[in-house]
Amino acid sequence: MAIHRLPPADGFEVLREVSQHTNIKLHTIANDVISWALGQPLPKPVGEKLDAAVRRRLHRGEASGQPG
């Protein structure tokens, strides 16, 4: 959310989407993101799906003319 300036609701939707596409519980994805913020590497499938989900969310914001 902070890096890409996503509103909290969009940040949650990104986590939910990554959870669904990786079949990993949402709380585990959230923990992975917090660990990443503290310097740990993201698991590869989580990092790839997270990047893709953020790009889609940002693209939707650009298409609607609204931030995030």
C-alpha atoms as a PDB file:
ATOM      1  CA  MET A   1       0.000   0.000   0.000  1.00  0.00           C
ATOM      2  CA  ALA A   2       2.696   2.471   0.964  1.00  0.00           C
ATOM      3  CA  ILE A   3       5.022   1.816  -1.953  1.00  0.00           C
ATOM      4  CA  HIS A   4       2.318   2.049  -4.612  1.00  0.00           C
ATOM      5  CA  ARG A   5       0.004   4.427  -2.718  1.00  0.00           C
ATOM      6  CA  LEU A   6      -2.890   2.006  -2.786  1.00  0.00           C
ATOM      7  CA  PRO A   7      -5.909   2.758  -0.619  1.00  0.00           C
ATOM      8  CA  PRO A   8      -6.384   0.242   2.225  1.00  0.00           C
ATOM      9  CA  ALA A   9      -9.315  -1.476   0.485  1.00  0.00           C
ATOM     10  CA  ASP A  10      -7.212  -2.000  -2.652  1.00  0.00           C
ATOM     11  CA  GLY A  11      -4.320  -3.317  -0.572  1.00  0.00           C
ATOM     12  CA  PHE A  12      -6.617  -5.865   1.038  1.00  0.00           C
ATOM     13  CA  GLU A  13      -7.999  -6.888  -2.359  1.00  0.00           C
ATOM     14  CA  VAL A  14      -4.444  -7.430  -3.629  1.00  0.00           C
ATOM     15  CA  LEU A  15      -3.707  -9.707  -0.663  1.00  0.00           C
ATOM     16  CA  ARG A  16      -6.988 -11.563  -1.182  1.00  0.00           C
ATOM     17  CA  GLU A  17      -6.289 -12.034  -4.888  1.00  0.00           C
ATOM     18  CA  VAL A  18      -2.776 -13.357  -4.210  1.00  0.00           C
ATOM     19  CA  SER A  19      -4.175 -15.732  -1.603  1.00  0.00           C
ATOM     20  CA  GLN A  20      -6.730 -17.104  -4.049  1.00  0.00           C
ATOM     21  CA  HIS A  21      -4.267 -17.475  -6.925  1.00  0.00           C
ATOM     22  CA  THR A  22      -1.590 -19.183  -4.831  1.00  0.00           C
ATOM     23  CA  ASN A  23      -3.942 -21.256  -2.657  1.00  0.00           C
ATOM     24  CA  ILE A  24      -2.167 -19.858   0.415  1.00  0.00           C
ATOM     25  CA  LYS A  25      -4.151 -18.535   3.369  1.00  0.00           C
ATOM     26  CA  LEU A  26      -4.553 -14.753   3.413  1.00  0.00           C
ATOM     27  CA  HIS A  27      -2.957 -14.425   6.856  1.00  0.00           C
ATOM     28  CA  THR A  28       0.123 -16.263   5.551  1.00  0.00           C
ATOM     29  CA  ILE A  29       0.367 -13.895   2.566  1.00  0.00           C
ATOM     30  CA  ALA A  30       0.042 -10.916   4.910  1.00  0.00           C
ATOM     31  CA  ASN A  31       2.774 -12.353   7.151  1.00  0.00           C
ATOM     32  CA  ASP A  32       5.022 -12.887   4.098  1.00  0.00           C
ATOM     33  CA  VAL A  33       4.535  -9.234   3.084  1.00  0.00           C
ATOM     34  CA  ILE A  34       5.355  -8.017   6.600  1.00  0.00           C
ATOM     35  CA  SER A  35       8.455 -10.227   6.678  1.00  0.00           C
ATOM     36  CA  TRP A  36       9.461  -8.812   3.271  1.00  0.00           C
ATOM     37  CA  ALA A  37       9.100  -5.271   4.632  1.00  0.00           C
ATOM     38  CA  LEU A  38      11.467  -6.303   7.428  1.00  0.00           C
ATOM     39  CA  GLY A  39      14.091  -7.556   4.966  1.00  0.00           C
ATOM     40  CA  GLN A  40      13.166 -11.170   4.281  1.00  0.00           C
ATOM     41  CA  PRO A  41      12.699 -12.396   0.693  1.00  0.00           C
ATOM     42  CA  LEU A  42       9.184 -13.103  -0.542  1.00  0.00           C
ATOM     43  CA  PRO A  43       8.485 -16.688  -1.575  1.00  0.00           C
ATOM     44  CA  LYS A  44       8.733 -16.737  -5.383  1.00  0.00           C
ATOM     45  CA  PRO A  45       5.081 -17.551  -6.170  1.00  0.00           C
ATOM     46  CA  VAL A  46       3.882 -14.926  -3.690  1.00  0.00           C
ATOM     47  CA  GLY A  47       6.186 -12.258  -5.108  1.00  0.00           C
ATOM     48  CA  GLU A  48       5.161 -12.979  -8.690  1.00  0.00           C
ATOM     49  CA  LYS A  49       1.423 -12.965  -7.937  1.00  0.00           C
ATOM     50  CA  LEU A  50       1.773  -9.892  -5.734  1.00  0.00           C
ATOM     51  CA  ASP A  51       3.516  -7.930  -8.503  1.00  0.00           C
ATOM     52  CA  ALA A  52       0.867  -8.964 -11.031  1.00  0.00           C
ATOM     53  CA  ALA A  53      -2.025  -8.094  -8.702  1.00  0.00           C
ATOM     54  CA  VAL A  54      -0.571  -4.660  -7.888  1.00  0.00           C
ATOM     55  CA  ARG A  55      -0.014  -3.926 -11.596  1.00  0.00           C
ATOM     56  CA  ARG A  56      -3.624  -4.847 -12.372  1.00  0.00           C
ATOM     57  CA  ARG A  57      -4.910  -2.704  -9.501  1.00  0.00           C
ATOM     58  CA  LEU A  58      -2.786   0.277 -10.601  1.00  0.00           C
ATOM     59  CA  HIS A  59      -3.891  -0.157 -14.206  1.00  0.00           C
ATOM     60  CA  ARG A  60      -7.548  -0.101 -13.123  1.00  0.00           C
ATOM     61  CA  GLY A  61      -6.901   3.146 -11.247  1.00  0.00           C
ATOM     62  CA  GLU A  62      -5.296   4.723 -14.306  1.00  0.00           C
ATOM     63  CA  ALA A  63      -8.164   3.597 -16.527  1.00  0.00           C
ATOM     64  CA  SER A  64     -10.725   5.126 -14.164  1.00  0.00           C
ATOM     65  CA  GLY A  65      -8.724   8.322 -13.681  1.00  0.00           C
ATOM     66  CA  GLN A  66      -8.472   7.704  -9.930  1.00  0.00           C
ATOM     67  CA  PRO A  67      -5.295   7.030  -7.956  1.00  0.00           C
ATOM     68  CA  GLY A  68      -4.573   3.419  -7.031  1.00  0.00           C
END
